[in-house]
Amino acid sequence: MAEIITQVTLFFESIILTFGYPGIFLVLLAENVITPIPTEPFMPLAGILAAQGQMNFFLVWGAAIAGGTTGSTILYFVGRHLGEPTVRALVRRWGRYTGITEGALDKGIEMFNRYGGWVIFFARFLPVVRPTSALVAGMSKLKLSIFLPATAASASIVTFLYIFAGYILGENWRSIVTLIDQYEPIILAVAIIGAVTVVGYILLRWLRHRAASAARALQPEES
């Protein structure tokens, strides 16, 4: 197993060094369409290269978000245009090659029926429904205007965690990746709370500034 991980890591590293940001995009796209492809060794390596000045952190992150969102959107349109009967037949025949099982498809449908569009955001952190969430969203005719932002938001959090791990820890990133895998729901909750707090603080200051400006504009000028 260790040898396999090493070979996969070297393969991903060669993709980054050869193709750069487009390589990151393509691997994340493929990972979201063919779920067995592991990106855990891949994204921290991109973070390490960013820390060394060989790549730009935010361009790496942007390419990862774009690739993950595009891959999920492909599955969304597959589900939307083919419908459940055809998708189910394809999963029965080819699912074992893409990491999608009929049981996972049923679980995804159940979760979507219970929680609606919220599943699209949280599915990336739930291994059971992650492989099928985009397919189910398409089959359920969820609006693209809801699907895309939810998918992009969840992809941005996941990819940031792995890239940042490589950026900060360098070659010691494997230890933090293990922690992320174990405590992903807790990390997600903290990240969401932190993001909401920051955005809320900025919005509150902007509203106060706007109110103060409006009050000054209404004050009569001194003669």
C-alpha atoms as a PDB file:
ATOM      1  CA  MET A   1       0.000   0.000   0.000  1.00  0.00           C
ATOM      2  CA  ALA A   2       2.797   2.430   0.885  1.00  0.00           C
ATOM      3  CA  GLU A   3       4.394   1.770  -2.508  1.00  0.00           C
ATOM      4  CA  ILE A   4       1.101   2.481  -4.272  1.00  0.00           C
ATOM      5  CA  ILE A   5       0.687   5.778  -2.388  1.00  0.00           C
ATOM      6  CA  THR A   6       4.253   6.732  -3.281  1.00  0.00           C
ATOM      7  CA  GLN A   7       3.686   5.992  -6.980  1.00  0.00           C
ATOM      8  CA  VAL A   8       0.402   7.924  -7.023  1.00  0.00           C
ATOM      9  CA  THR A   9       2.093  10.868  -5.308  1.00  0.00           C
ATOM     10  CA  LEU A  10       4.946  10.873  -7.833  1.00  0.00           C
ATOM     11  CA  PHE A  11       2.444  10.654 -10.696  1.00  0.00           C
ATOM     12  CA  PHE A  12       0.469  13.613  -9.379  1.00  0.00           C
ATOM     13  CA  GLU A  13       3.647  15.581  -8.801  1.00  0.00           C
ATOM     14  CA  SER A  14       4.685  14.971 -12.412  1.00  0.00           C
ATOM     15  CA  ILE A  15       1.278  16.250 -13.580  1.00  0.00           C
ATOM     16  CA  ILE A  16       1.708  19.456 -11.579  1.00  0.00           C
ATOM     17  CA  LEU A  17       5.267  20.033 -12.787  1.00  0.00           C
ATOM     18  CA  THR A  18       4.399  19.242 -16.403  1.00  0.00           C
ATOM     19  CA  PHE A  19       1.017  20.922 -16.852  1.00  0.00           C
ATOM     20  CA  GLY A  20       0.875  23.390 -13.948  1.00  0.00           C
ATOM     21  CA  TYR A  21      -2.515  24.917 -13.203  1.00  0.00           C
ATOM     22  CA  PRO A  22      -4.325  23.130 -16.088  1.00  0.00           C
ATOM     23  CA  GLY A  23      -3.048  19.840 -14.642  1.00  0.00           C
ATOM     24  CA  ILE A  24      -4.587  20.692 -11.265  1.00  0.00           C
ATOM     25  CA  PHE A  25      -7.856  21.524 -12.997  1.00  0.00           C
ATOM     26  CA  LEU A  26      -7.924  18.250 -14.937  1.00  0.00           C
ATOM     27  CA  VAL A  27      -7.084  16.021 -11.953  1.00  0.00           C
ATOM     28  CA  LEU A  28      -9.771  17.630  -9.782  1.00  0.00           C
ATOM     29  CA  LEU A  29     -12.258  17.325 -12.634  1.00  0.00           C
ATOM     30  CA  ALA A  30     -11.442  13.627 -13.020  1.00  0.00           C
ATOM     31  CA  GLU A  31     -11.584  13.053  -9.247  1.00  0.00           C
ATOM     32  CA  ASN A  32     -15.138  14.371  -9.119  1.00  0.00           C
ATOM     33  CA  VAL A  33     -16.277  12.218 -12.050  1.00  0.00           C
ATOM     34  CA  ILE A  34     -14.334   9.059 -11.117  1.00  0.00           C
ATOM     35  CA  THR A  35     -14.409   9.091  -7.329  1.00  0.00           C
ATOM     36  CA  PRO A  36     -11.729   6.424  -6.587  1.00  0.00           C
ATOM     37  CA  ILE A  37      -9.029   8.841  -7.808  1.00  0.00           C
ATOM     38  CA  PRO A  38      -7.378  10.093  -4.592  1.00  0.00           C
ATOM     39  CA  THR A  39      -6.561  13.811  -4.459  1.00  0.00           C
ATOM     40  CA  GLU A  40      -5.305  13.849  -0.856  1.00  0.00           C
ATOM     41  CA  PRO A  41      -1.670  13.320  -1.964  1.00  0.00           C
ATOM     42  CA  PHE A  42      -2.131  15.788  -4.818  1.00  0.00           C
ATOM     43  CA  MET A  43      -3.401  19.042  -3.341  1.00  0.00           C
ATOM     44  CA  PRO A  44      -0.836  19.319  -0.486  1.00  0.00           C
ATOM     45  CA  LEU A  45       1.913  18.871  -3.079  1.00  0.00           C
ATOM     46  CA  ALA A  46       0.534  21.879  -4.927  1.00  0.00           C
ATOM     47  CA  GLY A  47       0.570  23.744  -1.605  1.00  0.00           C
ATOM     48  CA  ILE A  48       4.229  22.828  -1.083  1.00  0.00           C
ATOM     49  CA  LEU A  49       5.124  24.174  -4.536  1.00  0.00           C
ATOM     50  CA  ALA A  50       3.237  27.374  -3.730  1.00  0.00           C
ATOM     51  CA  ALA A  51       5.182  27.754  -0.487  1.00  0.00           C
ATOM     52  CA  GLN A  52       8.424  27.323  -2.455  1.00  0.00           C
ATOM     53  CA  GLY A  53       7.402  30.090  -4.842  1.00  0.00           C
ATOM     54  CA  GLN A  54       7.023  27.762  -7.839  1.00  0.00           C
ATOM     55  CA  MET A  55       3.258  28.311  -8.022  1.00  0.00           C
ATOM     56  CA  ASN A  56       0.779  30.935  -6.857  1.00  0.00           C
ATOM     57  CA  PHE A  57      -1.346  29.791  -3.915  1.00  0.00           C
ATOM     58  CA  PHE A  58      -4.524  31.484  -5.085  1.00  0.00           C
ATOM     59  CA  LEU A  59      -4.147  30.296  -8.688  1.00  0.00           C
ATOM     60  CA  VAL A  60      -3.685  26.743  -7.379  1.00  0.00           C
ATOM     61  CA  TRP A  61      -6.803  27.139  -5.254  1.00  0.00           C
ATOM     62  CA  GLY A  62      -8.776  28.650  -8.130  1.00  0.00           C
ATOM     63  CA  ALA A  63      -7.785  25.838 -10.506  1.00  0.00           C
ATOM     64  CA  ALA A  64      -8.791  23.258  -7.895  1.00  0.00           C
ATOM     65  CA  ILE A  65     -12.176  24.892  -7.280  1.00  0.00           C
ATOM     66  CA  ALA A  66     -12.814  25.181 -11.024  1.00  0.00           C
ATOM     67  CA  GLY A  67     -11.864  21.553 -11.647  1.00  0.00           C
ATOM     68  CA  GLY A  68     -13.951  20.189  -8.781  1.00  0.00           C
ATOM     69  CA  THR A  69     -16.969  22.302  -9.720  1.00  0.00           C
ATOM     70  CA  THR A  70     -16.713  21.368 -13.402  1.00  0.00           C
ATOM     71  CA  GLY A  71     -16.478  17.656 -12.621  1.00  0.00           C
ATOM     72  CA  SER A  72     -19.551  17.801 -10.397  1.00  0.00           C
ATOM     73  CA  THR A  73     -21.431  19.834 -13.018  1.00  0.00           C
ATOM     74  CA  ILE A  74     -20.741  17.169 -15.654  1.00  0.00           C
ATOM     75  CA  LEU A  75     -22.415  14.577 -13.409  1.00  0.00           C
ATOM     76  CA  TYR A  76     -25.255  17.038 -12.750  1.00  0.00           C
ATOM     77  CA  PHE A  77     -26.035  17.296 -16.473  1.00  0.00           C
ATOM     78  CA  VAL A  78     -25.686  13.536 -16.911  1.00  0.00           C
ATOM     79  CA  GLY A  79     -28.339  13.033 -14.238  1.00  0.00           C
ATOM     80  CA  ARG A  80     -30.539  15.840 -15.577  1.00  0.00           C
ATOM     81  CA  HIS A  81     -30.587  14.679 -19.203  1.00  0.00           C
ATOM     82  CA  LEU A  82     -30.563  10.899 -18.739  1.00  0.00           C
ATOM     83  CA  GLY A  83     -32.982  10.622 -15.795  1.00  0.00           C
ATOM     84  CA  GLU A  84     -33.075   8.100 -12.977  1.00  0.00           C
ATOM     85  CA  PRO A  85     -33.911   4.885 -14.935  1.00  0.00           C
ATOM     86  CA  THR A  86     -30.987   5.311 -17.352  1.00  0.00           C
ATOM     87  CA  VAL A  87     -28.587   6.489 -14.630  1.00  0.00           C
ATOM     88  CA  ARG A  88     -29.524   3.528 -12.447  1.00  0.00           C
ATOM     89  CA  ALA A  89     -28.918   1.125 -15.332  1.00  0.00           C
ATOM     90  CA  LEU A  90     -25.510   2.683 -16.006  1.00  0.00           C
ATOM     91  CA  VAL A  91     -24.580   2.507 -12.322  1.00  0.00           C
ATOM     92  CA  ARG A  92     -25.499  -1.167 -12.185  1.00  0.00           C
ATOM     93  CA  ARG A  93     -23.263  -1.947 -15.144  1.00  0.00           C
ATOM     94  CA  TRP A  94     -20.350   0.484 -14.774  1.00  0.00           C
ATOM     95  CA  GLY A  95     -20.589   1.861 -11.256  1.00  0.00           C
ATOM     96  CA  ARG A  96     -17.851  -0.331  -9.837  1.00  0.00           C
ATOM     97  CA  TYR A  97     -15.363   1.367 -12.161  1.00  0.00           C
ATOM     98  CA  THR A  98     -16.329   4.889 -11.089  1.00  0.00           C
ATOM     99  CA  GLY A  99     -16.837   4.321  -7.363  1.00  0.00           C
ATOM    100  CA  ILE A 100     -20.620   4.780  -7.602  1.00  0.00           C
ATOM    101  CA  THR A 101     -22.842   1.968  -6.334  1.00  0.00           C
ATOM    102  CA  GLU A 102     -26.603   1.591  -6.560  1.00  0.00           C
ATOM    103  CA  GLY A 103     -26.775   1.635  -2.763  1.00  0.00           C
ATOM    104  CA  ALA A 104     -24.970   4.981  -2.724  1.00  0.00           C
ATOM    105  CA  LEU A 105     -27.371   6.252  -5.384  1.00  0.00           C
ATOM    106  CA  ASP A 106     -30.366   5.250  -3.251  1.00  0.00           C
ATOM    107  CA  LYS A 107     -28.793   6.914  -0.209  1.00  0.00           C
ATOM    108  CA  GLY A 108     -28.207  10.082  -2.187  1.00  0.00           C
ATOM    109  CA  ILE A 109     -31.838  10.158  -3.335  1.00  0.00           C
ATOM    110  CA  GLU A 110     -33.018   9.594   0.228  1.00  0.00           C
ATOM    111  CA  MET A 111     -30.838  12.413   1.579  1.00  0.00           C
ATOM    112  CA  PHE A 112     -31.907  14.777  -1.196  1.00  0.00           C
ATOM    113  CA  ASN A 113     -35.600  14.053  -0.619  1.00  0.00           C
ATOM    114  CA  ARG A 114     -35.150  14.713   3.093  1.00  0.00           C
ATOM    115  CA  TYR A 115     -32.912  17.789   3.074  1.00  0.00           C
ATOM    116  CA  GLY A 116     -33.232  19.225  -0.413  1.00  0.00           C
ATOM    117  CA  GLY A 117     -30.545  21.406  -1.982  1.00  0.00           C
ATOM    118  CA  TRP A 118     -28.549  21.631   1.275  1.00  0.00           C
ATOM    119  CA  VAL A 119     -27.226  18.151   0.522  1.00  0.00           C
ATOM    120  CA  ILE A 120     -25.223  19.548  -2.397  1.00  0.00           C
ATOM    121  CA  PHE A 121     -23.084  21.671  -0.096  1.00  0.00           C
ATOM    122  CA  PHE A 122     -22.587  19.113   2.668  1.00  0.00           C
ATOM    123  CA  ALA A 123     -22.294  16.007   0.448  1.00  0.00           C
ATOM    124  CA  ARG A 124     -18.603  16.678  -0.257  1.00  0.00           C
ATOM    125  CA  PHE A 125     -17.949  16.047   3.450  1.00  0.00           C
ATOM    126  CA  LEU A 126     -20.135  12.910   3.626  1.00  0.00           C
ATOM    127  CA  PRO A 127     -18.410   9.929   1.957  1.00  0.00           C
ATOM    128  CA  VAL A 128     -21.656   7.934   1.658  1.00  0.00           C
ATOM    129  CA  VAL A 129     -23.500  10.423  -0.564  1.00  0.00           C
ATOM    130  CA  ARG A 130     -20.605  12.383  -2.064  1.00  0.00           C
ATOM    131  CA  PRO A 131     -20.207  10.218  -5.212  1.00  0.00           C
ATOM    132  CA  THR A 132     -23.881  10.537  -6.180  1.00  0.00           C
ATOM    133  CA  SER A 133     -24.954  13.996  -4.970  1.00  0.00           C
ATOM    134  CA  ALA A 134     -24.397  15.725  -8.317  1.00  0.00           C
ATOM    135  CA  LEU A 135     -26.183  12.942 -10.225  1.00  0.00           C
ATOM    136  CA  VAL A 136     -29.133  13.079  -7.827  1.00  0.00           C
ATOM    137  CA  ALA A 137     -29.301  16.875  -8.074  1.00  0.00           C
ATOM    138  CA  GLY A 138     -29.544  16.586 -11.841  1.00  0.00           C
ATOM    139  CA  MET A 139     -32.130  13.817 -11.727  1.00  0.00           C
ATOM    140  CA  SER A 140     -34.177  15.899  -9.288  1.00  0.00           C
ATOM    141  CA  LYS A 141     -34.010  18.920 -11.645  1.00  0.00           C
ATOM    142  CA  LEU A 142     -32.445  21.136  -8.969  1.00  0.00           C
ATOM    143  CA  LYS A 143     -31.920  24.614 -10.389  1.00  0.00           C
ATOM    144  CA  LEU A 144     -28.430  25.172 -11.753  1.00  0.00           C
ATOM    145  CA  SER A 145     -28.421  28.557 -10.013  1.00  0.00           C
ATOM    146  CA  ILE A 146     -28.565  26.695  -6.689  1.00  0.00           C
ATOM    147  CA  PHE A 147     -26.339  23.764  -7.619  1.00  0.00           C
ATOM    148  CA  LEU A 148     -23.342  25.726  -8.904  1.00  0.00           C
ATOM    149  CA  PRO A 149     -22.830  28.071  -5.904  1.00  0.00           C
ATOM    150  CA  ALA A 150     -23.329  25.230  -3.419  1.00  0.00           C
ATOM    151  CA  THR A 151     -20.856  22.987  -5.244  1.00  0.00           C
ATOM    152  CA  ALA A 152     -18.271  25.745  -5.668  1.00  0.00           C
ATOM    153  CA  ALA A 153     -18.547  26.736  -1.996  1.00  0.00           C
ATOM    154  CA  SER A 154     -17.999  23.193  -0.726  1.00  0.00           C
ATOM    155  CA  ALA A 155     -15.140  22.620  -3.191  1.00  0.00           C
ATOM    156  CA  SER A 156     -13.461  25.836  -2.058  1.00  0.00           C
ATOM    157  CA  ILE A 157     -13.423  24.709   1.594  1.00  0.00           C
ATOM    158  CA  VAL A 158     -12.142  21.180   0.924  1.00  0.00           C
ATOM    159  CA  THR A 159      -9.411  22.206  -1.514  1.00  0.00           C
ATOM    160  CA  PHE A 160      -8.272  25.066   0.723  1.00  0.00           C
ATOM    161  CA  LEU A 161      -7.754  22.701   3.661  1.00  0.00           C
ATOM    162  CA  TYR A 162      -5.503  20.360   1.684  1.00  0.00           C
ATOM    163  CA  ILE A 163      -3.573  23.071  -0.165  1.00  0.00           C
ATOM    164  CA  PHE A 164      -3.031  25.053   3.035  1.00  0.00           C
ATOM    165  CA  ALA A 165      -1.819  21.896   4.799  1.00  0.00           C
ATOM    166  CA  GLY A 166       0.925  21.504   2.209  1.00  0.00           C
ATOM    167  CA  TYR A 167       1.709  25.231   2.228  1.00  0.00           C
ATOM    168  CA  ILE A 168       2.187  25.392   6.005  1.00  0.00           C
ATOM    169  CA  LEU A 169       3.552  21.960   6.848  1.00  0.00           C
ATOM    170  CA  GLY A 170       5.647  21.150   3.791  1.00  0.00           C
ATOM    171  CA  GLU A 171       6.699  17.505   3.718  1.00  0.00           C
ATOM    172  CA  ASN A 172       4.922  16.896   7.055  1.00  0.00           C
ATOM    173  CA  TRP A 173       1.524  17.418   5.428  1.00  0.00           C
ATOM    174  CA  ARG A 174       0.517  13.744   5.750  1.00  0.00           C
ATOM    175  CA  SER A 175      -0.095  14.153   9.483  1.00  0.00           C
ATOM    176  CA  ILE A 176      -2.562  16.991   9.003  1.00  0.00           C
ATOM    177  CA  VAL A 177      -4.287  15.184   6.124  1.00  0.00           C
ATOM    178  CA  THR A 178      -4.954  12.292   8.510  1.00  0.00           C
ATOM    179  CA  LEU A 179      -6.463  14.710  11.030  1.00  0.00           C
ATOM    180  CA  ILE A 180      -8.599  16.334   8.329  1.00  0.00           C
ATOM    181  CA  ASP A 181      -9.972  12.938   7.313  1.00  0.00           C
ATOM    182  CA  GLN A 182     -10.792  12.070  10.947  1.00  0.00           C
ATOM    183  CA  TYR A 183     -12.320  15.381  12.001  1.00  0.00           C
ATOM    184  CA  GLU A 184     -13.635  16.752   8.704  1.00  0.00           C
ATOM    185  CA  PRO A 185     -17.178  17.537  10.001  1.00  0.00           C
ATOM    186  CA  ILE A 186     -15.770  19.476  12.986  1.00  0.00           C
ATOM    187  CA  ILE A 187     -13.281  21.336  10.800  1.00  0.00           C
ATOM    188  CA  LEU A 188     -16.089  22.164   8.376  1.00  0.00           C
ATOM    189  CA  ALA A 189     -18.262  23.543  11.172  1.00  0.00           C
ATOM    190  CA  VAL A 190     -15.425  25.707  12.506  1.00  0.00           C
ATOM    191  CA  ALA A 191     -14.601  26.945   8.993  1.00  0.00           C
ATOM    192  CA  ILE A 192     -18.225  27.867   8.309  1.00  0.00           C
ATOM    193  CA  ILE A 193     -18.610  29.650  11.652  1.00  0.00           C
ATOM    194  CA  GLY A 194     -15.368  31.524  11.070  1.00  0.00           C
ATOM    195  CA  ALA A 195     -16.355  32.520   7.537  1.00  0.00           C
ATOM    196  CA  VAL A 196     -19.813  33.680   8.644  1.00  0.00           C
ATOM    197  CA  THR A 197     -18.270  35.671  11.507  1.00  0.00           C
ATOM    198  CA  VAL A 198     -15.782  37.423   9.232  1.00  0.00           C
ATOM    199  CA  VAL A 199     -18.360  38.172   6.544  1.00  0.00           C
ATOM    200  CA  GLY A 200     -20.846  39.356   9.171  1.00  0.00           C
ATOM    201  CA  TYR A 201     -18.259  41.661  10.751  1.00  0.00           C
ATOM    202  CA  ILE A 202     -17.309  43.161   7.383  1.00  0.00           C
ATOM    203  CA  LEU A 203     -20.965  43.592   6.416  1.00  0.00           C
ATOM    204  CA  LEU A 204     -21.793  45.226   9.773  1.00  0.00           C
ATOM    205  CA  ARG A 205     -18.919  47.711   9.425  1.00  0.00           C
ATOM    206  CA  TRP A 206     -19.979  48.514   5.876  1.00  0.00           C
ATOM    207  CA  LEU A 207     -23.584  49.133   6.955  1.00  0.00           C
ATOM    208  CA  ARG A 208     -22.437  51.356   9.818  1.00  0.00           C
ATOM    209  CA  HIS A 209     -20.171  53.316   7.489  1.00  0.00           C
ATOM    210  CA  ARG A 210     -22.991  53.700   5.021  1.00  0.00           C
ATOM    211  CA  ALA A 211     -25.412  54.862   7.730  1.00  0.00           C
ATOM    212  CA  ALA A 212     -22.865  57.370   9.037  1.00  0.00           C
ATOM    213  CA  SER A 213     -22.285  58.723   5.535  1.00  0.00           C
ATOM    214  CA  ALA A 214     -26.019  59.078   4.993  1.00  0.00           C
ATOM    215  CA  ALA A 215     -26.397  60.893   8.336  1.00  0.00           C
ATOM    216  CA  ARG A 216     -23.617  63.331   7.453  1.00  0.00           C
ATOM    217  CA  ALA A 217     -25.218  63.996   4.088  1.00  0.00           C
ATOM    218  CA  LEU A 218     -28.514  64.896   5.774  1.00  0.00           C
ATOM    219  CA  GLN A 219     -26.931  67.335   8.224  1.00  0.00           C
ATOM    220  CA  PRO A 220     -27.398  71.011   7.241  1.00  0.00           C
ATOM    221  CA  GLU A 221     -24.191  72.771   6.262  1.00  0.00           C
ATOM    222  CA  GLU A 222     -22.932  75.377   8.719  1.00  0.00           C
ATOM    223  CA  SER A 223     -23.044  78.942   7.384  1.00  0.00           C
END
